[in-house]
Amino acid sequence: MEPILGRADVATSIPIGHEVVENSLNAGTRRFTFIGVTTGESAIRRVFPAWAEHLGLGDVDISGHDLSLHAPPERYREVVEAIRSDPLELGGLVTTHKIDLFTACRDMFDFVDPYAELCGEVSSLSKRGGLFRAHAKDPISSGRSLDEFVEEGYWASSDAEVLLFGAGGSNLAISLHLMTGRPPEDRPQRVVVVNRSPARLESMRAVHGLLGSRVKVDYVHNADPVENDRLLESVPPGSLVVNGTGMGKDSPGSPITDKGVFPEGALVWELNYRGELGFLHQAERQAMSRGLVIEDGWRYFVHGWTCVMEEVFDLEMTPEIVGELSHIALGLRGSSAPPRVGDKRGR
């Protein structure tokens, strides 16, 4: 059955200072909240109503809270308290602020899942059995996305390494999957993590220390794009290179310069799917000459939202259902879809 738009309404945006808080179009309607930086520009505003209709969720609005990067702790607590205390609020999805929100609001949750405790972050806020619950779904959603992108046995048959630009929640989750999600013989030999903040690197190092993984990890404190170019050129052919900095969406620019050269045959993953996408375009310009396989953040977007909706709406998201939702979302993506480049490994 074709999905019908309009049953789940999109909320309106009202600017308050540097924050955007959204009011539901229908005061008595259940709400699903999205906490981010520029939520009004997300494709989920078009996609969620169709998903809700397809899944038979009934009358539910999606509303957004835009918070500045590294907002004061009291701002996170205000948003989380509004979700926790309102019976019409079903829960929420957190992007960008996963670590800062969890740090500010840890004491407000009745249940914290093991991944949230391990990673010190939260991406899913939900209510079940009278409990206000926090889950970190990125290790699951990033793993599902990565396994569609990087075929089984890839690391076992290659000397390729991994270069992660950014040490935030998304790249932490990706590193966990790379270090533990596959059999030991099918893991990269080395992961290099680059970040502007030493505190985030030390936090990631502490989490990795709990894993008992034999994957070697180098932590590089650096904010110079020219130095990032050097790091980019130092990893072996076929390496996985990920932009998890937020640059190109939440902030302008790219972690590398236009002179940076990608490894031959690299797997390039831009975690953003919208915005100026400078890093993605830099890779696209080298796609043919360097034999790159390029992915943007679209499949990560789909898996991220469906993983959280499993908790918020108490659903079982089977691969078949996720496939249906992905098909619906792709039809609504519009002009934000970049050209696909390279042979899709594992598809």
Protein backbone atom coordinates (compact mmCIF):
# COMPACT_ATOMS: atom_id res chain seq x y z
CA MET A 1 0.00 0.00 0.00
CA GLU A 2 1.36 3.40 -0.92
CA PRO A 3 1.97 5.70 2.06
CA ILE A 4 -0.33 8.71 2.35
CA LEU A 5 1.10 11.99 3.58
CA GLY A 6 -0.52 14.17 6.18
CA ARG A 7 -1.58 11.95 9.07
CA ALA A 8 1.44 12.86 11.17
CA ASP A 9 1.83 16.63 11.15
CA VAL A 10 5.07 18.57 11.12
CA ALA A 11 5.42 21.08 13.92
CA THR A 12 6.07 24.78 13.54
CA SER A 13 9.30 26.58 14.46
CA ILE A 14 9.42 29.51 16.87
CA PRO A 15 12.81 31.20 17.42
CA ILE A 16 13.65 32.01 21.05
CA GLY A 17 17.01 33.75 21.36
CA HIS A 18 19.59 31.51 19.70
CA GLU A 19 17.37 28.46 20.07
CA VAL A 20 14.43 27.22 18.06
CA VAL A 21 11.66 25.58 20.02
CA GLU A 22 8.75 24.07 18.16
CA ASN A 23 5.08 23.99 19.05
CA SER A 24 2.85 21.17 17.87
CA LEU A 25 0.25 22.08 15.30
CA ASN A 26 -2.28 20.16 17.40
CA ALA A 27 -2.08 20.86 21.13
CA GLY A 28 -3.56 17.49 22.12
CA THR A 29 -1.52 15.39 19.71
CA ARG A 30 1.30 13.08 20.76
CA ARG A 31 4.77 14.36 19.92
CA PHE A 32 8.10 12.88 18.89
CA THR A 33 10.95 15.32 19.49
CA PHE A 34 14.10 15.89 17.45
CA ILE A 35 17.03 17.61 19.25
CA GLY A 36 19.69 18.99 16.92
CA VAL A 37 21.24 22.14 15.49
CA THR A 38 19.24 22.85 12.31
CA THR A 39 16.31 20.46 12.65
CA GLY A 40 14.10 22.47 10.30
CA GLU A 41 16.39 21.62 7.36
CA SER A 42 16.37 17.86 7.97
CA ALA A 43 14.76 15.50 5.47
CA ILE A 44 12.96 13.89 8.41
CA ARG A 45 10.44 16.74 8.19
CA ARG A 46 9.28 15.29 4.87
CA VAL A 47 9.98 11.65 5.67
CA PHE A 48 8.48 11.13 9.13
CA PRO A 49 4.83 11.80 8.19
CA ALA A 50 5.07 9.18 5.46
CA TRP A 51 6.78 6.72 7.76
CA ALA A 52 4.16 7.28 10.46
CA GLU A 53 1.36 6.61 7.98
CA HIS A 54 3.05 3.50 6.64
CA LEU A 55 3.61 2.13 10.15
CA GLY A 56 0.12 3.05 11.36
CA LEU A 57 1.37 5.21 14.24
CA GLY A 58 -1.77 7.33 14.32
CA ASP A 59 -1.77 11.04 15.08
CA VAL A 60 1.76 12.03 16.08
CA ASP A 61 3.67 15.22 15.35
CA ILE A 62 7.41 15.59 14.96
CA SER A 63 8.80 18.68 16.65
CA GLY A 64 12.31 20.04 16.90
CA HIS A 65 14.59 21.78 19.36
CA ASP A 66 17.58 23.58 17.87
CA LEU A 67 20.41 24.12 20.33
CA SER A 68 23.77 25.74 19.68
CA LEU A 69 26.84 23.51 19.66
CA HIS A 70 28.03 22.80 23.22
CA ALA A 71 25.07 24.63 24.73
CA PRO A 72 25.02 25.36 28.48
CA PRO A 73 23.98 22.33 30.58
CA GLU A 74 20.80 24.05 31.76
CA ARG A 75 19.53 24.30 28.17
CA TYR A 76 19.86 20.54 27.73
CA ARG A 77 18.12 19.94 31.04
CA GLU A 78 15.22 22.21 30.09
CA VAL A 79 14.61 20.35 26.84
CA VAL A 80 14.91 16.92 28.45
CA GLU A 81 12.61 17.90 31.34
CA ALA A 82 9.98 19.08 28.85
CA ILE A 83 10.03 15.65 27.23
CA ARG A 84 10.12 13.76 30.52
CA SER A 85 7.25 15.63 32.20
CA ASP A 86 4.78 15.98 29.32
CA PRO A 87 2.51 12.91 28.93
CA LEU A 88 2.01 13.77 25.25
CA GLU A 89 5.76 13.55 24.63
CA LEU A 90 6.64 10.03 23.48
CA GLY A 91 10.40 10.56 23.42
CA GLY A 92 13.06 11.94 21.18
CA LEU A 93 16.07 11.53 18.95
CA VAL A 94 19.32 13.37 19.66
CA THR A 95 21.86 14.33 17.02
CA THR A 96 25.09 16.33 17.45
CA HIS A 97 24.48 16.88 21.19
CA LYS A 98 24.63 13.20 22.20
CA ILE A 99 27.61 13.51 24.56
CA ASP A 100 26.89 16.97 25.98
CA LEU A 101 23.23 16.16 26.62
CA PHE A 102 24.04 12.90 28.39
CA THR A 103 26.66 14.61 30.55
CA ALA A 104 24.22 17.34 31.54
CA CYS A 105 21.20 15.07 32.10
CA ARG A 106 22.53 11.71 33.29
CA ASP A 107 20.68 11.97 36.63
CA MET A 108 17.33 12.58 34.90
CA PHE A 109 17.03 9.08 33.42
CA ASP A 110 15.46 6.09 35.17
CA PHE A 111 17.19 3.63 32.86
CA VAL A 112 20.45 3.95 30.92
CA ASP A 113 21.39 1.19 28.47
CA PRO A 114 24.87 -0.38 28.47
CA TYR A 115 25.97 1.40 25.28
CA ALA A 116 24.99 4.77 26.74
CA GLU A 117 26.96 4.00 29.89
CA LEU A 118 29.96 2.81 27.88
CA CYS A 119 30.00 5.66 25.39
CA GLY A 120 28.79 8.44 27.70
CA GLU A 121 26.22 9.56 25.15
CA VAL A 122 22.52 9.28 24.32
CA SER A 123 20.70 9.31 20.99
CA SER A 124 17.31 7.92 22.03
CA LEU A 125 14.94 9.19 24.72
CA SER A 126 11.91 7.00 25.35
CA LYS A 127 9.28 6.06 27.92
CA ARG A 128 8.36 2.50 28.81
CA GLY A 129 6.65 1.04 31.86
CA GLY A 130 6.76 4.35 33.70
CA LEU A 131 10.51 4.70 33.13
CA PHE A 132 12.25 7.52 31.30
CA ARG A 133 14.95 5.75 29.31
CA ALA A 134 18.21 6.70 27.60
CA HIS A 135 19.77 4.57 24.86
CA ALA A 136 22.85 5.05 22.71
CA LYS A 137 21.78 3.65 19.36
CA ASP A 138 24.74 4.84 17.27
CA PRO A 139 26.81 1.66 17.78
CA ILE A 140 23.89 -0.26 16.26
CA SER A 141 22.89 2.17 13.50
CA SER A 142 26.49 2.90 12.46
CA GLY A 143 27.25 -0.81 12.43
CA ARG A 144 24.27 -1.56 10.20
CA SER A 145 25.26 1.28 7.87
CA LEU A 146 28.92 0.30 7.76
CA ASP A 147 28.15 -3.36 7.09
CA GLU A 148 26.10 -2.34 4.04
CA PHE A 149 29.04 -0.25 2.83
CA VAL A 150 32.03 -2.48 3.70
CA GLU A 151 31.64 -6.08 2.64
CA GLU A 152 32.22 -9.03 4.94
CA GLY A 153 35.87 -10.13 4.85
CA TYR A 154 37.13 -6.75 3.63
CA TRP A 155 39.58 -6.17 6.49
CA ALA A 156 40.74 -9.80 6.51
CA SER A 157 41.83 -9.53 2.88
CA SER A 158 43.35 -6.04 3.00
CA ASP A 159 46.06 -3.99 4.72
CA ALA A 160 43.68 -1.03 4.71
CA GLU A 161 43.35 1.09 7.84
CA VAL A 162 40.78 3.58 9.13
CA LEU A 163 41.09 7.36 9.45
CA LEU A 164 38.37 9.00 11.52
CA PHE A 165 38.12 12.79 11.44
CA GLY A 166 36.32 13.72 14.66
CA ALA A 167 36.03 12.03 18.07
CA GLY A 168 32.37 12.74 18.76
CA GLY A 169 29.57 10.29 19.33
CA SER A 170 29.22 9.07 15.75
CA ASN A 171 32.88 8.22 15.26
CA LEU A 172 33.06 6.69 18.72
CA ALA A 173 30.20 4.39 17.72
CA ILE A 174 31.86 3.56 14.40
CA SER A 175 35.12 2.76 16.18
CA LEU A 176 33.30 0.38 18.56
CA HIS A 177 31.85 -1.52 15.62
CA LEU A 178 35.20 -1.65 13.84
CA MET A 179 36.92 -2.95 16.98
CA THR A 180 34.30 -5.45 18.17
CA GLY A 181 31.52 -5.90 15.61
CA ARG A 182 33.20 -8.48 13.39
CA PRO A 183 35.38 -11.56 14.05
CA PRO A 184 38.93 -10.64 15.15
CA GLU A 185 40.40 -11.67 11.79
CA ASP A 186 38.06 -9.25 9.97
CA ARG A 187 38.98 -6.04 11.76
CA PRO A 188 41.30 -3.25 10.62
CA GLN A 189 44.83 -3.43 12.01
CA ARG A 190 44.89 0.26 12.87
CA VAL A 191 42.46 3.13 13.44
CA VAL A 192 43.62 6.76 13.49
CA VAL A 193 41.35 9.27 15.24
CA VAL A 194 41.90 13.00 14.74
CA ASN A 195 40.16 15.66 16.80
CA ARG A 196 40.53 19.33 17.71
CA SER A 197 39.68 18.74 21.37
CA PRO A 198 42.08 16.63 23.47
CA ALA A 199 39.31 15.98 26.01
CA ARG A 200 37.21 14.11 23.44
CA LEU A 201 40.22 12.04 22.41
CA GLU A 202 40.93 11.07 26.02
CA SER A 203 37.29 10.18 26.53
CA MET A 204 37.39 7.93 23.47
CA ARG A 205 40.66 6.38 24.63
CA ALA A 206 39.04 5.54 27.98
CA VAL A 207 36.12 3.79 26.27
CA HIS A 208 38.43 1.85 23.97
CA GLY A 209 40.44 0.75 26.99
CA LEU A 210 37.40 -1.14 28.27
CA LEU A 211 36.98 -3.21 25.11
CA GLY A 212 40.01 -5.47 25.26
CA SER A 213 40.36 -5.16 21.48
CA ARG A 214 43.66 -5.84 19.71
CA VAL A 215 43.00 -3.16 17.10
CA LYS A 216 45.67 -0.47 17.42
CA VAL A 217 44.30 3.05 17.81
CA ASP A 218 46.32 6.25 17.37
CA TYR A 219 44.82 9.41 18.88
CA VAL A 220 45.90 12.61 17.15
CA HIS A 221 45.18 16.04 18.60
CA ASN A 222 45.12 18.38 15.62
CA ALA A 223 43.11 21.29 14.25
CA ASP A 224 45.25 22.08 11.20
CA PRO A 225 43.69 20.96 7.89
CA VAL A 226 47.15 20.86 6.29
CA GLU A 227 48.29 18.32 8.87
CA ASN A 228 45.08 16.39 8.21
CA ASP A 229 46.10 16.28 4.54
CA ARG A 230 49.35 14.61 5.58
CA LEU A 231 47.49 12.07 7.70
CA LEU A 232 45.13 11.39 4.80
CA GLU A 233 48.01 10.67 2.47
CA SER A 234 49.76 8.42 5.01
CA VAL A 235 47.13 5.68 5.30
CA PRO A 236 47.32 2.66 2.94
CA PRO A 237 45.32 2.16 -0.24
CA GLY A 238 41.75 1.01 0.31
CA SER A 239 41.52 2.63 3.75
CA LEU A 240 38.23 3.84 5.18
CA VAL A 241 38.15 7.63 5.67
CA VAL A 242 35.25 9.12 7.65
CA ASN A 243 34.24 12.72 8.21
CA GLY A 244 32.48 12.72 11.57
CA THR A 245 33.40 16.29 12.52
CA GLY A 246 30.06 17.88 11.63
CA MET A 247 31.95 20.22 9.28
CA GLY A 248 29.94 20.69 6.13
CA LYS A 249 26.61 20.69 8.01
CA ASP A 250 26.75 21.91 11.61
CA SER A 251 29.74 24.14 10.87
CA PRO A 252 31.32 25.31 7.60
CA GLY A 253 34.32 23.84 5.86
CA SER A 254 36.06 20.48 5.77
CA PRO A 255 38.69 18.79 7.95
CA ILE A 256 41.05 18.69 4.93
CA THR A 257 42.13 21.22 2.32
CA ASP A 258 41.44 21.03 -1.40
CA LYS A 259 45.03 19.82 -1.81
CA GLY A 260 44.50 16.72 0.29
CA VAL A 261 44.89 13.47 -1.67
CA PHE A 262 42.76 10.45 -0.78
CA PRO A 263 44.37 6.99 -0.71
CA GLU A 264 44.01 4.95 -3.88
CA GLY A 265 40.78 2.94 -3.75
CA ALA A 266 39.70 4.50 -0.45
CA LEU A 267 36.25 4.00 1.04
CA VAL A 268 35.10 7.55 1.82
CA TRP A 269 32.20 8.09 4.20
CA GLU A 270 30.78 11.55 4.72
CA LEU A 271 28.41 11.19 7.67
CA ASN A 272 26.42 14.25 6.60
CA TYR A 273 23.82 14.00 3.85
CA ARG A 274 22.85 17.69 3.76
CA GLY A 275 24.58 21.05 4.03
CA GLU A 276 27.50 22.38 2.03
CA LEU A 277 29.20 18.94 2.18
CA GLY A 278 32.69 20.23 1.39
CA PHE A 279 34.42 16.96 2.32
CA LEU A 280 32.06 14.94 0.11
CA HIS A 281 32.68 17.22 -2.86
CA GLN A 282 36.46 17.04 -2.34
CA ALA A 283 36.21 13.25 -2.57
CA GLU A 284 33.94 13.38 -5.61
CA ARG A 285 36.51 15.47 -7.50
CA GLN A 286 39.06 12.66 -6.98
CA ALA A 287 36.65 9.75 -7.45
CA MET A 288 37.74 8.73 -10.93
CA SER A 289 41.45 9.43 -10.65
CA ARG A 290 41.84 7.70 -7.27
CA GLY A 291 39.21 4.97 -7.70
CA LEU A 292 37.24 6.05 -4.63
CA VAL A 293 34.07 4.44 -3.28
CA ILE A 294 32.00 7.25 -1.78
CA GLU A 295 29.03 7.22 0.57
CA ASP A 296 27.21 10.13 2.15
CA GLY A 297 25.21 9.92 5.38
CA TRP A 298 21.85 8.90 3.91
CA ARG A 299 21.83 5.25 4.98
CA TYR A 300 23.15 6.35 8.39
CA PHE A 301 20.21 8.76 8.56
CA VAL A 302 17.73 5.96 7.83
CA HIS A 303 19.26 3.49 10.29
CA GLY A 304 19.67 6.17 12.95
CA TRP A 305 16.02 7.16 12.88
CA THR A 306 14.63 3.64 12.60
CA CYS A 307 16.76 2.43 15.53
CA VAL A 308 15.39 5.21 17.74
CA MET A 309 11.81 4.70 16.54
CA GLU A 310 12.08 1.07 17.67
CA GLU A 311 12.40 2.31 21.25
CA VAL A 312 10.09 5.33 21.15
CA PHE A 313 7.18 3.53 19.45
CA ASP A 314 7.93 0.01 20.79
CA LEU A 315 8.29 -1.45 17.31
CA GLU A 316 10.26 -4.32 15.84
CA MET A 317 12.17 -2.91 12.89
CA THR A 318 12.83 -6.00 10.81
CA PRO A 319 15.14 -5.73 7.79
CA GLU A 320 12.04 -5.91 5.61
CA ILE A 321 10.39 -2.96 7.38
CA VAL A 322 13.60 -0.93 7.31
CA GLY A 323 13.84 -1.65 3.59
CA GLU A 324 10.30 -0.39 3.06
CA LEU A 325 10.99 2.77 5.07
CA SER A 326 14.25 3.33 3.22
CA HIS A 327 12.40 3.12 -0.10
CA ILE A 328 9.81 5.62 1.12
CA ALA A 329 12.51 7.99 2.38
CA LEU A 330 14.49 7.84 -0.84
CA GLY A 331 11.43 8.91 -2.79
CA LEU A 332 11.12 11.98 -0.56
CA ARG A 333 14.80 12.87 -0.42
CA GLY A 334 14.64 15.22 -3.37
CA SER A 335 17.55 17.37 -4.49
CA SER A 336 19.69 16.57 -1.44
CA ALA A 337 20.78 13.28 -3.01
CA PRO A 338 24.34 13.49 -4.39
CA PRO A 339 25.53 11.30 -7.24
CA ARG A 340 26.65 7.82 -6.16
CA VAL A 341 30.29 7.20 -6.97
CA GLY A 342 32.25 3.96 -7.15
CA ASP A 343 31.46 0.30 -6.85
CA LYS A 344 29.19 -0.35 -3.86
CA ARG A 345 30.93 -2.98 -1.80
CA GLY A 346 28.69 -5.28 0.17
CA ARG A 347 25.50 -4.31 -1.68
